[in-house]
Amino acid sequence: MCGRFSLTTPLEELVNQFLIDKFIKETSPRYNVAPSQKVLSLISKNGVRKAGETLWGLVPGWANTNKWKPLINARSETLLDKPSFRSLVHKRRMVIFSDGFYEWKKGEGGKIPVRFLLKSEEPFVFAGLWDRTSDGRVTSTILTTKANEVVNPVHDRMPVILKNNDDIEKWLDTDKYRFEEASPLLRSYPGEEMKSYEVSMIVNSPKNDSKECITPA
């Protein structure tokens, strides 16, 4: 599961690293992104990479928006089995920008938040899906897979992380790459390229979104 993450990387750096063609004009550092909030996302259409905001928590276009509980995660192994996702994997693949995510481990004083990131501390993207609700909102979900050796001591699932631009293009370009060709990307990110550290319990509240959230405890 992935229920919180950060994105502190400046937009200019994201544009250069991920070859973004069109993007929103302003972004601000996010240290504690939570479900239902806007997240910086990327789609590719006709070979053009467009970055914009989606609402984290997928609501299918056919769903009753008043009754549907938004889906913040989707298990990559069962996408074709779920009505909410099986059509989206063919036409509405996207990615969400991040530079770290949080999980909680058991401690003497309660659950302790742990931040996971790349050893290089570079930004990356989560593989995701998007849809448009009947009232016009664009919503998204983050795909998960089994945890690698770094994440597994804390949680048995982790988000699908992509970093290589060729892999990202294969996931985004639904016209060129069928889901069957892109699905091998939905695997655990190499543990030897990741690290983790404990952070302050202020992360527990989504109201807190300061630099202290990513500061080692």
N, C-alpha and C. Protein backbone atom coordinates (compact mmCIF):
# COMPACT_ATOMS: atom_id res chain seq x y z
N MET A 1 0.84 -1.19 0.00
CA MET A 1 0.00 0.00 0.00
C MET A 1 0.88 1.24 0.00
N CYS A 2 0.38 2.29 -0.61
CA CYS A 2 1.06 3.58 -0.56
C CYS A 2 0.01 4.62 -0.21
N GLY A 3 0.13 5.19 1.01
CA GLY A 3 -0.89 6.12 1.47
C GLY A 3 -0.39 7.52 1.71
N ARG A 4 0.92 7.74 1.63
CA ARG A 4 1.50 9.08 1.78
C ARG A 4 2.80 9.13 0.99
N PHE A 5 3.10 10.29 0.45
CA PHE A 5 4.39 10.45 -0.23
C PHE A 5 4.78 11.91 -0.27
N SER A 6 5.97 12.16 -0.79
CA SER A 6 6.48 13.53 -0.89
C SER A 6 6.86 13.85 -2.33
N LEU A 7 6.89 15.14 -2.63
CA LEU A 7 7.43 15.62 -3.90
C LEU A 7 7.99 17.02 -3.65
N THR A 8 9.28 17.06 -3.38
CA THR A 8 9.94 18.33 -3.05
C THR A 8 10.82 18.84 -4.18
N THR A 9 10.94 18.06 -5.24
CA THR A 9 11.80 18.41 -6.37
C THR A 9 11.23 19.58 -7.16
N PRO A 10 12.03 20.58 -7.49
CA PRO A 10 11.54 21.72 -8.29
C PRO A 10 11.01 21.27 -9.65
N LEU A 11 9.98 21.96 -10.14
CA LEU A 11 9.36 21.61 -11.41
C LEU A 11 10.37 21.61 -12.55
N GLU A 12 11.27 22.58 -12.56
CA GLU A 12 12.25 22.66 -13.64
C GLU A 12 13.09 21.39 -13.73
N GLU A 13 13.45 20.84 -12.58
CA GLU A 13 14.23 19.61 -12.56
C GLU A 13 13.41 18.43 -13.09
N LEU A 14 12.14 18.38 -12.74
CA LEU A 14 11.26 17.33 -13.23
C LEU A 14 11.11 17.42 -14.75
N VAL A 15 10.94 18.64 -15.24
CA VAL A 15 10.78 18.86 -16.69
C VAL A 15 12.00 18.33 -17.44
N ASN A 16 13.18 18.61 -16.93
CA ASN A 16 14.41 18.17 -17.60
C ASN A 16 14.62 16.67 -17.49
N GLN A 17 14.39 16.11 -16.31
CA GLN A 17 14.66 14.69 -16.12
C GLN A 17 13.66 13.81 -16.85
N PHE A 18 12.39 14.22 -16.86
CA PHE A 18 11.35 13.37 -17.43
C PHE A 18 10.85 13.85 -18.79
N LEU A 19 11.57 14.76 -19.40
CA LEU A 19 11.30 15.18 -20.78
C LEU A 19 9.86 15.64 -20.97
N ILE A 20 9.40 16.48 -20.05
CA ILE A 20 8.02 16.96 -20.09
C ILE A 20 7.89 18.07 -21.14
N ASP A 21 6.87 17.94 -22.00
CA ASP A 21 6.65 18.92 -23.06
C ASP A 21 5.74 20.06 -22.62
N LYS A 22 4.67 19.73 -21.90
CA LYS A 22 3.73 20.74 -21.43
C LYS A 22 3.50 20.54 -19.95
N PHE A 23 3.38 21.64 -19.19
CA PHE A 23 3.27 21.51 -17.74
C PHE A 23 2.55 22.71 -17.15
N ILE A 24 2.02 22.51 -15.94
CA ILE A 24 1.39 23.62 -15.24
C ILE A 24 2.47 24.60 -14.81
N LYS A 25 2.10 25.84 -14.60
CA LYS A 25 3.09 26.90 -14.38
C LYS A 25 3.70 26.90 -12.98
N GLU A 26 2.93 26.48 -11.99
CA GLU A 26 3.44 26.61 -10.62
C GLU A 26 3.28 25.31 -9.84
N THR A 27 4.28 24.98 -9.07
CA THR A 27 4.19 23.89 -8.11
C THR A 27 4.91 24.35 -6.85
N SER A 28 4.58 23.75 -5.74
CA SER A 28 5.25 24.04 -4.48
C SER A 28 5.67 22.72 -3.85
N PRO A 29 6.71 22.73 -3.02
CA PRO A 29 7.16 21.49 -2.39
C PRO A 29 6.04 20.86 -1.56
N ARG A 30 5.90 19.54 -1.68
CA ARG A 30 4.93 18.80 -0.88
C ARG A 30 5.69 17.76 -0.07
N TYR A 31 5.53 17.81 1.24
CA TYR A 31 6.27 16.93 2.12
C TYR A 31 5.42 15.79 2.68
N ASN A 32 4.10 15.88 2.50
CA ASN A 32 3.21 14.89 3.10
C ASN A 32 1.91 14.83 2.30
N VAL A 33 2.01 14.33 1.08
CA VAL A 33 0.85 14.24 0.21
C VAL A 33 -0.06 13.12 0.69
N ALA A 34 -1.36 13.39 0.78
CA ALA A 34 -2.33 12.43 1.31
C ALA A 34 -3.45 12.19 0.30
N PRO A 35 -4.16 11.07 0.44
CA PRO A 35 -5.29 10.79 -0.45
C PRO A 35 -6.31 11.92 -0.47
N SER A 36 -6.96 12.07 -1.61
CA SER A 36 -7.98 13.08 -1.91
C SER A 36 -7.36 14.42 -2.28
N GLN A 37 -6.04 14.54 -2.14
CA GLN A 37 -5.37 15.79 -2.51
C GLN A 37 -4.94 15.75 -3.98
N LYS A 38 -4.61 16.93 -4.52
CA LYS A 38 -4.13 17.01 -5.89
C LYS A 38 -2.68 16.53 -5.95
N VAL A 39 -2.38 15.75 -6.99
CA VAL A 39 -1.03 15.22 -7.17
C VAL A 39 -0.54 15.55 -8.58
N LEU A 40 0.74 15.85 -8.71
CA LEU A 40 1.33 16.17 -10.00
C LEU A 40 1.50 14.89 -10.81
N SER A 41 0.87 14.84 -11.97
CA SER A 41 0.78 13.62 -12.76
C SER A 41 1.22 13.87 -14.20
N LEU A 42 1.48 12.78 -14.91
CA LEU A 42 1.96 12.88 -16.29
C LEU A 42 1.26 11.88 -17.18
N ILE A 43 0.79 12.36 -18.34
CA ILE A 43 0.24 11.49 -19.37
C ILE A 43 0.99 11.77 -20.66
N SER A 44 0.84 10.88 -21.63
CA SER A 44 1.44 11.08 -22.94
C SER A 44 0.37 10.90 -24.00
N LYS A 45 0.22 11.88 -24.87
CA LYS A 45 -0.78 11.82 -25.93
C LYS A 45 -0.14 12.27 -27.23
N ASN A 46 -0.20 11.39 -28.22
CA ASN A 46 0.41 11.68 -29.52
C ASN A 46 1.89 12.04 -29.39
N GLY A 47 2.55 11.36 -28.45
CA GLY A 47 3.98 11.58 -28.26
C GLY A 47 4.34 12.79 -27.44
N VAL A 48 3.34 13.51 -26.93
CA VAL A 48 3.57 14.72 -26.14
C VAL A 48 3.32 14.41 -24.66
N ARG A 49 4.31 14.67 -23.82
CA ARG A 49 4.16 14.43 -22.38
C ARG A 49 3.58 15.68 -21.71
N LYS A 50 2.43 15.50 -21.08
CA LYS A 50 1.75 16.62 -20.44
C LYS A 50 1.65 16.38 -18.94
N ALA A 51 2.13 17.34 -18.16
CA ALA A 51 2.06 17.26 -16.70
C ALA A 51 0.95 18.17 -16.19
N GLY A 52 0.16 17.65 -15.28
CA GLY A 52 -0.92 18.42 -14.67
C GLY A 52 -1.33 17.77 -13.37
N GLU A 53 -2.42 18.20 -12.80
CA GLU A 53 -2.86 17.68 -11.50
C GLU A 53 -4.06 16.75 -11.65
N THR A 54 -4.04 15.68 -10.86
CA THR A 54 -5.19 14.79 -10.72
C THR A 54 -5.52 14.67 -9.24
N LEU A 55 -6.70 14.20 -8.94
CA LEU A 55 -7.10 13.95 -7.55
C LEU A 55 -6.73 12.52 -7.19
N TRP A 56 -5.96 12.37 -6.11
CA TRP A 56 -5.51 11.03 -5.72
C TRP A 56 -6.65 10.27 -5.05
N GLY A 57 -7.08 9.23 -5.72
CA GLY A 57 -8.19 8.40 -5.28
C GLY A 57 -9.12 8.19 -6.46
N LEU A 58 -8.97 7.06 -7.14
CA LEU A 58 -9.68 6.85 -8.40
C LEU A 58 -11.16 6.56 -8.20
N VAL A 59 -11.96 7.25 -8.98
CA VAL A 59 -13.40 7.00 -9.07
C VAL A 59 -13.70 6.72 -10.54
N PRO A 60 -14.10 5.49 -10.89
CA PRO A 60 -14.38 5.18 -12.30
C PRO A 60 -15.45 6.09 -12.89
N GLY A 61 -15.35 6.32 -14.18
CA GLY A 61 -16.30 7.20 -14.84
C GLY A 61 -17.74 6.72 -14.75
N TRP A 62 -17.92 5.41 -14.59
CA TRP A 62 -19.28 4.85 -14.53
C TRP A 62 -19.83 4.80 -13.10
N ALA A 63 -19.02 5.13 -12.12
CA ALA A 63 -19.42 4.98 -10.71
C ALA A 63 -20.28 6.14 -10.22
N ASN A 64 -21.10 5.84 -9.22
CA ASN A 64 -21.87 6.86 -8.53
C ASN A 64 -20.91 7.60 -7.60
N THR A 65 -20.62 8.85 -7.91
CA THR A 65 -19.61 9.59 -7.15
C THR A 65 -20.00 9.82 -5.70
N ASN A 66 -21.28 9.75 -5.38
CA ASN A 66 -21.73 9.97 -4.01
C ASN A 66 -21.55 8.73 -3.13
N LYS A 67 -21.46 7.56 -3.76
CA LYS A 67 -21.39 6.33 -3.00
C LYS A 67 -20.04 5.63 -3.11
N TRP A 68 -19.26 5.97 -4.10
CA TRP A 68 -18.01 5.26 -4.38
C TRP A 68 -16.89 5.74 -3.46
N LYS A 69 -16.17 4.78 -2.86
CA LYS A 69 -15.00 5.11 -2.05
C LYS A 69 -13.78 5.17 -2.97
N PRO A 70 -13.13 6.34 -3.06
CA PRO A 70 -11.99 6.48 -3.96
C PRO A 70 -10.90 5.44 -3.69
N LEU A 71 -10.32 4.92 -4.76
CA LEU A 71 -9.30 3.88 -4.67
C LEU A 71 -7.91 4.51 -4.82
N ILE A 72 -7.15 4.57 -3.73
CA ILE A 72 -5.84 5.22 -3.79
C ILE A 72 -4.77 4.28 -4.34
N ASN A 73 -4.99 2.98 -4.23
CA ASN A 73 -4.04 1.98 -4.73
C ASN A 73 -4.75 0.91 -5.54
N ALA A 74 -4.00 0.28 -6.43
CA ALA A 74 -4.51 -0.85 -7.20
C ALA A 74 -3.41 -1.91 -7.28
N ARG A 75 -3.74 -3.14 -6.94
CA ARG A 75 -2.76 -4.22 -7.00
C ARG A 75 -2.45 -4.54 -8.46
N SER A 76 -1.19 -4.45 -8.84
CA SER A 76 -0.81 -4.63 -10.24
C SER A 76 -1.08 -6.05 -10.74
N GLU A 77 -1.07 -7.02 -9.82
CA GLU A 77 -1.24 -8.42 -10.23
C GLU A 77 -2.68 -8.74 -10.64
N THR A 78 -3.64 -7.93 -10.23
CA THR A 78 -5.05 -8.27 -10.48
C THR A 78 -5.80 -7.19 -11.26
N LEU A 79 -5.09 -6.34 -11.98
CA LEU A 79 -5.74 -5.23 -12.69
C LEU A 79 -6.79 -5.71 -13.69
N LEU A 80 -6.49 -6.79 -14.40
CA LEU A 80 -7.42 -7.27 -15.42
C LEU A 80 -8.63 -7.98 -14.82
N ASP A 81 -8.56 -8.28 -13.54
CA ASP A 81 -9.68 -8.96 -12.88
C ASP A 81 -10.69 -7.99 -12.29
N LYS A 82 -10.34 -6.71 -12.21
CA LYS A 82 -11.18 -5.73 -11.53
C LYS A 82 -11.89 -4.82 -12.53
N PRO A 83 -13.23 -4.73 -12.45
CA PRO A 83 -13.97 -3.85 -13.36
C PRO A 83 -13.51 -2.40 -13.30
N SER A 84 -13.02 -1.97 -12.15
CA SER A 84 -12.59 -0.58 -11.99
C SER A 84 -11.35 -0.25 -12.82
N PHE A 85 -10.56 -1.29 -13.15
CA PHE A 85 -9.26 -1.05 -13.78
C PHE A 85 -9.07 -1.69 -15.15
N ARG A 86 -9.83 -2.73 -15.47
CA ARG A 86 -9.49 -3.53 -16.65
C ARG A 86 -9.53 -2.76 -17.96
N SER A 87 -10.40 -1.76 -18.06
CA SER A 87 -10.41 -0.96 -19.30
C SER A 87 -9.36 0.14 -19.26
N LEU A 88 -9.04 0.63 -18.08
CA LEU A 88 -8.09 1.74 -17.94
C LEU A 88 -6.67 1.33 -18.31
N VAL A 89 -6.31 0.07 -18.09
CA VAL A 89 -4.94 -0.37 -18.38
C VAL A 89 -4.62 -0.30 -19.86
N HIS A 90 -5.65 -0.24 -20.70
CA HIS A 90 -5.44 -0.19 -22.14
C HIS A 90 -5.39 1.23 -22.69
N LYS A 91 -6.05 2.18 -22.03
CA LYS A 91 -6.15 3.53 -22.60
C LYS A 91 -5.83 4.67 -21.63
N ARG A 92 -5.80 4.40 -20.34
CA ARG A 92 -5.63 5.50 -19.39
C ARG A 92 -4.53 5.22 -18.37
N ARG A 93 -3.35 4.96 -18.90
CA ARG A 93 -2.19 4.77 -18.04
C ARG A 93 -1.51 6.12 -17.81
N MET A 94 -0.96 6.33 -16.64
CA MET A 94 -0.31 7.60 -16.29
C MET A 94 0.72 7.34 -15.21
N VAL A 95 1.46 8.38 -14.84
CA VAL A 95 2.40 8.27 -13.72
C VAL A 95 2.24 9.48 -12.81
N ILE A 96 2.65 9.32 -11.56
CA ILE A 96 2.58 10.37 -10.55
C ILE A 96 3.99 10.63 -10.03
N PHE A 97 4.37 11.88 -9.97
CA PHE A 97 5.73 12.26 -9.56
C PHE A 97 5.90 12.14 -8.04
N SER A 98 7.10 11.72 -7.63
CA SER A 98 7.42 11.59 -6.21
C SER A 98 8.93 11.61 -6.02
N ASP A 99 9.36 11.81 -4.78
CA ASP A 99 10.77 11.61 -4.45
C ASP A 99 10.92 10.85 -3.13
N GLY A 100 9.82 10.31 -2.63
CA GLY A 100 9.86 9.50 -1.42
C GLY A 100 8.46 9.13 -0.99
N PHE A 101 8.31 8.00 -0.29
CA PHE A 101 7.00 7.62 0.22
C PHE A 101 7.14 7.08 1.64
N TYR A 102 6.03 7.05 2.35
CA TYR A 102 6.04 6.67 3.77
C TYR A 102 5.28 5.36 4.01
N GLU A 103 5.78 4.59 4.96
CA GLU A 103 5.06 3.47 5.54
C GLU A 103 5.30 3.50 7.04
N TRP A 104 4.50 2.75 7.80
CA TRP A 104 4.59 2.80 9.26
C TRP A 104 4.97 1.43 9.81
N LYS A 105 5.93 1.44 10.75
CA LYS A 105 6.31 0.20 11.42
C LYS A 105 5.94 0.28 12.89
N LYS A 106 5.83 -0.88 13.51
CA LYS A 106 5.46 -0.93 14.91
C LYS A 106 6.63 -0.51 15.79
N GLY A 107 6.33 0.32 16.80
CA GLY A 107 7.35 0.76 17.75
C GLY A 107 6.78 0.74 19.15
N GLU A 108 7.61 0.98 20.14
CA GLU A 108 7.16 0.93 21.53
C GLU A 108 6.10 1.98 21.83
N GLY A 109 6.21 3.14 21.21
CA GLY A 109 5.25 4.20 21.47
C GLY A 109 4.15 4.30 20.45
N GLY A 110 4.00 3.26 19.63
CA GLY A 110 3.00 3.27 18.57
C GLY A 110 3.67 3.09 17.22
N LYS A 111 2.95 3.38 16.17
CA LYS A 111 3.49 3.22 14.83
C LYS A 111 4.45 4.36 14.48
N ILE A 112 5.59 3.98 13.92
CA ILE A 112 6.64 4.94 13.58
C ILE A 112 6.71 5.10 12.06
N PRO A 113 6.61 6.33 11.55
CA PRO A 113 6.68 6.53 10.10
C PRO A 113 8.11 6.38 9.57
N VAL A 114 8.21 5.75 8.43
CA VAL A 114 9.50 5.53 7.77
C VAL A 114 9.41 6.06 6.35
N ARG A 115 10.41 6.80 5.94
CA ARG A 115 10.44 7.34 4.58
C ARG A 115 11.36 6.49 3.70
N PHE A 116 10.85 6.13 2.53
CA PHE A 116 11.62 5.34 1.56
C PHE A 116 11.92 6.22 0.35
N LEU A 117 13.14 6.12 -0.14
CA LEU A 117 13.56 6.94 -1.27
C LEU A 117 14.71 6.25 -1.99
N LEU A 118 15.13 6.81 -3.12
CA LEU A 118 16.27 6.27 -3.83
C LEU A 118 17.57 6.70 -3.16
N LYS A 119 18.58 5.86 -3.21
CA LYS A 119 19.88 6.23 -2.64
C LYS A 119 20.43 7.49 -3.29
N SER A 120 20.13 7.67 -4.56
CA SER A 120 20.59 8.86 -5.28
C SER A 120 19.81 10.10 -4.88
N GLU A 121 18.68 9.90 -4.19
CA GLU A 121 17.76 10.97 -3.78
C GLU A 121 17.17 11.72 -4.98
N GLU A 122 17.16 11.06 -6.12
CA GLU A 122 16.55 11.64 -7.32
C GLU A 122 15.04 11.40 -7.31
N PRO A 123 14.29 12.21 -8.03
CA PRO A 123 12.85 11.97 -8.14
C PRO A 123 12.58 10.76 -9.03
N PHE A 124 11.37 10.24 -8.93
CA PHE A 124 10.94 9.09 -9.73
C PHE A 124 9.45 9.24 -9.95
N VAL A 125 8.83 8.24 -10.55
CA VAL A 125 7.38 8.28 -10.72
C VAL A 125 6.76 6.97 -10.27
N PHE A 126 5.51 7.05 -9.85
CA PHE A 126 4.71 5.86 -9.57
C PHE A 126 3.89 5.54 -10.81
N ALA A 127 3.82 4.27 -11.20
CA ALA A 127 2.91 3.87 -12.26
C ALA A 127 1.48 4.00 -11.74
N GLY A 128 0.59 4.51 -12.57
CA GLY A 128 -0.79 4.71 -12.13
C GLY A 128 -1.78 4.61 -13.26
N LEU A 129 -3.04 4.79 -12.90
CA LEU A 129 -4.15 4.83 -13.85
C LEU A 129 -5.01 6.04 -13.53
N TRP A 130 -5.74 6.53 -14.53
CA TRP A 130 -6.61 7.68 -14.29
C TRP A 130 -7.96 7.46 -14.97
N ASP A 131 -8.94 8.23 -14.53
CA ASP A 131 -10.26 8.23 -15.17
C ASP A 131 -10.93 9.56 -14.89
N ARG A 132 -11.97 9.84 -15.65
CA ARG A 132 -12.71 11.08 -15.48
C ARG A 132 -14.11 10.75 -14.95
N THR A 133 -14.51 11.38 -13.85
CA THR A 133 -15.80 11.10 -13.25
C THR A 133 -16.93 11.74 -14.06
N SER A 134 -18.14 11.36 -13.73
CA SER A 134 -19.31 11.89 -14.44
C SER A 134 -19.44 13.40 -14.27
N ASP A 135 -18.87 13.94 -13.19
CA ASP A 135 -18.93 15.39 -12.99
C ASP A 135 -17.64 16.11 -13.41
N GLY A 136 -16.78 15.39 -14.16
CA GLY A 136 -15.63 16.03 -14.79
C GLY A 136 -14.33 16.02 -14.03
N ARG A 137 -14.27 15.44 -12.86
CA ARG A 137 -13.02 15.40 -12.10
C ARG A 137 -12.10 14.30 -12.66
N VAL A 138 -10.81 14.60 -12.72
CA VAL A 138 -9.83 13.60 -13.16
C VAL A 138 -9.19 13.00 -11.91
N THR A 139 -9.40 11.70 -11.72
CA THR A 139 -8.92 11.02 -10.51
C THR A 139 -7.87 9.97 -10.89
N SER A 140 -7.07 9.56 -9.91
CA SER A 140 -5.96 8.66 -10.20
C SER A 140 -5.72 7.68 -9.06
N THR A 141 -5.01 6.61 -9.40
CA THR A 141 -4.63 5.61 -8.40
C THR A 141 -3.19 5.19 -8.64
N ILE A 142 -2.50 4.78 -7.59
CA ILE A 142 -1.11 4.32 -7.66
C ILE A 142 -1.08 2.80 -7.63
N LEU A 143 -0.35 2.20 -8.57
CA LEU A 143 -0.25 0.75 -8.63
C LEU A 143 0.78 0.25 -7.61
N THR A 144 0.49 -0.91 -7.04
CA THR A 144 1.40 -1.50 -6.06
C THR A 144 1.83 -2.89 -6.50
N THR A 145 2.93 -3.34 -5.92
CA THR A 145 3.47 -4.67 -6.18
C THR A 145 4.06 -5.20 -4.88
N LYS A 146 4.62 -6.40 -4.92
CA LYS A 146 5.21 -6.95 -3.69
C LYS A 146 6.43 -6.11 -3.31
N ALA A 147 6.66 -6.00 -2.02
CA ALA A 147 7.75 -5.16 -1.51
C ALA A 147 9.11 -5.80 -1.79
N ASN A 148 10.12 -4.95 -2.00
CA ASN A 148 11.49 -5.44 -2.10
C ASN A 148 12.09 -5.61 -0.71
N GLU A 149 13.36 -5.95 -0.65
CA GLU A 149 13.99 -6.26 0.65
C GLU A 149 14.15 -5.04 1.54
N VAL A 150 14.08 -3.84 1.00
CA VAL A 150 14.18 -2.63 1.82
C VAL A 150 12.84 -2.30 2.46
N VAL A 151 11.77 -2.43 1.70
CA VAL A 151 10.44 -2.07 2.19
C VAL A 151 9.80 -3.19 3.01
N ASN A 152 10.10 -4.44 2.65
CA ASN A 152 9.39 -5.58 3.23
C ASN A 152 9.42 -5.67 4.76
N PRO A 153 10.50 -5.29 5.44
CA PRO A 153 10.47 -5.34 6.91
C PRO A 153 9.40 -4.44 7.53
N VAL A 154 8.92 -3.47 6.76
CA VAL A 154 7.91 -2.53 7.26
C VAL A 154 6.54 -2.84 6.68
N HIS A 155 6.48 -3.18 5.39
CA HIS A 155 5.20 -3.45 4.73
C HIS A 155 5.43 -4.44 3.59
N ASP A 156 4.45 -5.31 3.33
CA ASP A 156 4.63 -6.33 2.30
C ASP A 156 4.28 -5.85 0.89
N ARG A 157 3.83 -4.60 0.76
CA ARG A 157 3.53 -4.02 -0.55
C ARG A 157 4.29 -2.71 -0.72
N MET A 158 4.53 -2.33 -1.96
CA MET A 158 5.17 -1.05 -2.25
C MET A 158 4.62 -0.52 -3.57
N PRO A 159 4.72 0.78 -3.80
CA PRO A 159 4.27 1.32 -5.09
C PRO A 159 5.19 0.88 -6.22
N VAL A 160 4.63 0.77 -7.41
CA VAL A 160 5.44 0.47 -8.59
C VAL A 160 6.20 1.75 -8.98
N ILE A 161 7.52 1.68 -8.92
CA ILE A 161 8.38 2.84 -9.20
C ILE A 161 9.01 2.69 -10.59
N LEU A 162 8.94 3.76 -11.36
CA LEU A 162 9.61 3.82 -12.66
C LEU A 162 10.56 5.02 -12.64
N LYS A 163 11.71 4.91 -13.28
CA LYS A 163 12.66 6.01 -13.32
C LYS A 163 13.25 6.20 -14.71
N ASN A 164 13.47 5.11 -15.42
CA ASN A 164 14.03 5.16 -16.76
C ASN A 164 13.00 5.71 -17.74
N ASN A 165 13.38 6.69 -18.56
CA ASN A 165 12.43 7.33 -19.46
C ASN A 165 11.86 6.37 -20.51
N ASP A 166 12.63 5.38 -20.92
CA ASP A 166 12.11 4.40 -21.87
C ASP A 166 11.00 3.58 -21.23
N ASP A 167 11.19 3.19 -19.97
CA ASP A 167 10.15 2.45 -19.25
C ASP A 167 8.91 3.32 -19.05
N ILE A 168 9.14 4.57 -18.71
CA ILE A 168 8.02 5.49 -18.50
C ILE A 168 7.22 5.65 -19.79
N GLU A 169 7.91 5.79 -20.91
CA GLU A 169 7.22 5.94 -22.19
C GLU A 169 6.43 4.69 -22.54
N LYS A 170 6.98 3.53 -22.24
CA LYS A 170 6.26 2.28 -22.53
C LYS A 170 4.98 2.20 -21.70
N TRP A 171 5.02 2.70 -20.48
CA TRP A 171 3.82 2.68 -19.65
C TRP A 171 2.82 3.74 -20.11
N LEU A 172 3.30 4.90 -20.50
CA LEU A 172 2.40 6.00 -20.85
C LEU A 172 1.78 5.84 -22.24
N ASP A 173 2.54 5.34 -23.20
CA ASP A 173 2.08 5.33 -24.59
C ASP A 173 1.18 4.13 -24.86
N THR A 174 -0.11 4.32 -24.63
CA THR A 174 -1.07 3.23 -24.80
C THR A 174 -1.36 2.92 -26.26
N ASP A 175 -1.04 3.85 -27.17
CA ASP A 175 -1.25 3.59 -28.60
C ASP A 175 -0.16 2.69 -29.16
N LYS A 176 1.05 2.86 -28.68
CA LYS A 176 2.19 2.10 -29.19
C LYS A 176 2.40 0.79 -28.45
N TYR A 177 2.13 0.78 -27.14
CA TYR A 177 2.42 -0.40 -26.34
C TYR A 177 1.15 -0.95 -25.69
N ARG A 178 0.84 -2.19 -26.03
CA ARG A 178 -0.30 -2.86 -25.40
C ARG A 178 0.02 -3.12 -23.93
N PHE A 179 -1.02 -3.31 -23.13
CA PHE A 179 -0.81 -3.56 -21.71
C PHE A 179 0.07 -4.79 -21.50
N GLU A 180 -0.12 -5.80 -22.34
CA GLU A 180 0.67 -7.02 -22.21
C GLU A 180 2.16 -6.75 -22.39
N GLU A 181 2.50 -5.73 -23.18
CA GLU A 181 3.90 -5.37 -23.38
C GLU A 181 4.43 -4.51 -22.24
N ALA A 182 3.54 -3.71 -21.65
CA ALA A 182 3.95 -2.80 -20.58
C ALA A 182 3.90 -3.44 -19.19
N SER A 183 3.10 -4.47 -19.04
CA SER A 183 2.88 -5.05 -17.70
C SER A 183 4.15 -5.59 -17.03
N PRO A 184 5.18 -6.06 -17.77
CA PRO A 184 6.40 -6.49 -17.07
C PRO A 184 7.08 -5.38 -16.27
N LEU A 185 6.72 -4.13 -16.53
CA LEU A 185 7.28 -3.01 -15.77
C LEU A 185 6.74 -2.96 -14.34
N LEU A 186 5.64 -3.66 -14.10
CA LEU A 186 4.97 -3.56 -12.80
C LEU A 186 5.60 -4.53 -11.81
N ARG A 187 6.84 -4.25 -11.49
CA ARG A 187 7.62 -5.11 -10.60
C ARG A 187 8.24 -4.28 -9.48
N SER A 188 8.81 -4.96 -8.52
CA SER A 188 9.47 -4.28 -7.40
C SER A 188 10.71 -3.54 -7.88
N TYR A 189 10.90 -2.33 -7.37
CA TYR A 189 12.10 -1.58 -7.72
C TYR A 189 13.30 -2.21 -7.01
N PRO A 190 14.47 -2.25 -7.64
CA PRO A 190 15.64 -2.90 -7.02
C PRO A 190 15.96 -2.34 -5.63
N GLY A 191 15.99 -3.22 -4.65
CA GLY A 191 16.25 -2.80 -3.29
C GLY A 191 17.61 -2.19 -3.08
N GLU A 192 18.60 -2.63 -3.87
CA GLU A 192 19.96 -2.11 -3.71
C GLU A 192 20.06 -0.64 -4.11
N GLU A 193 19.03 -0.12 -4.77
CA GLU A 193 19.04 1.29 -5.17
C GLU A 193 18.19 2.17 -4.26
N MET A 194 17.69 1.59 -3.15
CA MET A 194 16.82 2.34 -2.25
C MET A 194 17.38 2.38 -0.84
N LYS A 195 16.88 3.32 -0.05
CA LYS A 195 17.24 3.44 1.35
C LYS A 195 16.02 3.92 2.12
N SER A 196 16.12 3.93 3.45
CA SER A 196 14.99 4.39 4.27
C SER A 196 15.51 4.98 5.57
N TYR A 197 14.67 5.77 6.22
CA TYR A 197 14.99 6.29 7.54
C TYR A 197 13.70 6.70 8.25
N GLU A 198 13.74 6.67 9.58
CA GLU A 198 12.58 7.06 10.37
C GLU A 198 12.41 8.58 10.35
N VAL A 199 11.15 9.01 10.39
CA VAL A 199 10.86 10.45 10.42
C VAL A 199 9.92 10.75 11.58
N SER A 200 9.63 12.02 11.76
CA SER A 200 8.79 12.47 12.87
C SER A 200 7.36 11.97 12.73
N MET A 201 6.71 11.77 13.87
CA MET A 201 5.32 11.34 13.87
C MET A 201 4.36 12.43 13.41
N ILE A 202 4.87 13.61 13.13
CA ILE A 202 3.97 14.65 12.60
C ILE A 202 3.43 14.23 11.23
N VAL A 203 4.12 13.29 10.57
CA VAL A 203 3.65 12.77 9.28
C VAL A 203 2.30 12.09 9.44
N ASN A 204 2.00 11.60 10.64
CA ASN A 204 0.75 10.89 10.86
C ASN A 204 -0.47 11.73 10.51
N SER A 205 -0.38 13.02 10.64
CA SER A 205 -1.50 13.90 10.31
C SER A 205 -1.29 14.54 8.95
N PRO A 206 -2.25 14.37 8.02
CA PRO A 206 -2.11 15.00 6.70
C PRO A 206 -2.16 16.51 6.75
N LYS A 207 -2.52 17.07 7.91
CA LYS A 207 -2.53 18.53 8.05
C LYS A 207 -1.10 19.09 8.08
N ASN A 208 -0.15 18.22 8.45
CA ASN A 208 1.24 18.66 8.51
C ASN A 208 1.92 18.45 7.16
N ASP A 209 2.45 19.51 6.61
CA ASP A 209 3.08 19.43 5.29
C ASP A 209 4.31 20.34 5.24
N SER A 210 5.16 20.21 6.24
CA SER A 210 6.36 21.04 6.34
C SER A 210 7.60 20.18 6.10
N LYS A 211 8.74 20.84 5.98
CA LYS A 211 10.00 20.14 5.72
C LYS A 211 10.36 19.17 6.84
N GLU A 212 9.81 19.42 8.03
CA GLU A 212 10.07 18.53 9.16
C GLU A 212 9.60 17.11 8.87
N CYS A 213 8.61 16.97 7.97
CA CYS A 213 8.08 15.64 7.64
C CYS A 213 9.14 14.73 7.03
N ILE A 214 10.09 15.30 6.30
CA ILE A 214 11.10 14.47 5.64
C ILE A 214 12.44 14.50 6.38
N THR A 215 12.51 15.20 7.50
CA THR A 215 13.74 15.29 8.28
C THR A 215 13.93 14.02 9.11
N PRO A 216 15.09 13.38 9.07
CA PRO A 216 15.31 12.17 9.86
C PRO A 216 15.02 12.41 11.34
N ALA A 217 14.34 11.45 11.96
CA ALA A 217 13.97 11.58 13.38
C ALA A 217 15.20 11.37 14.27
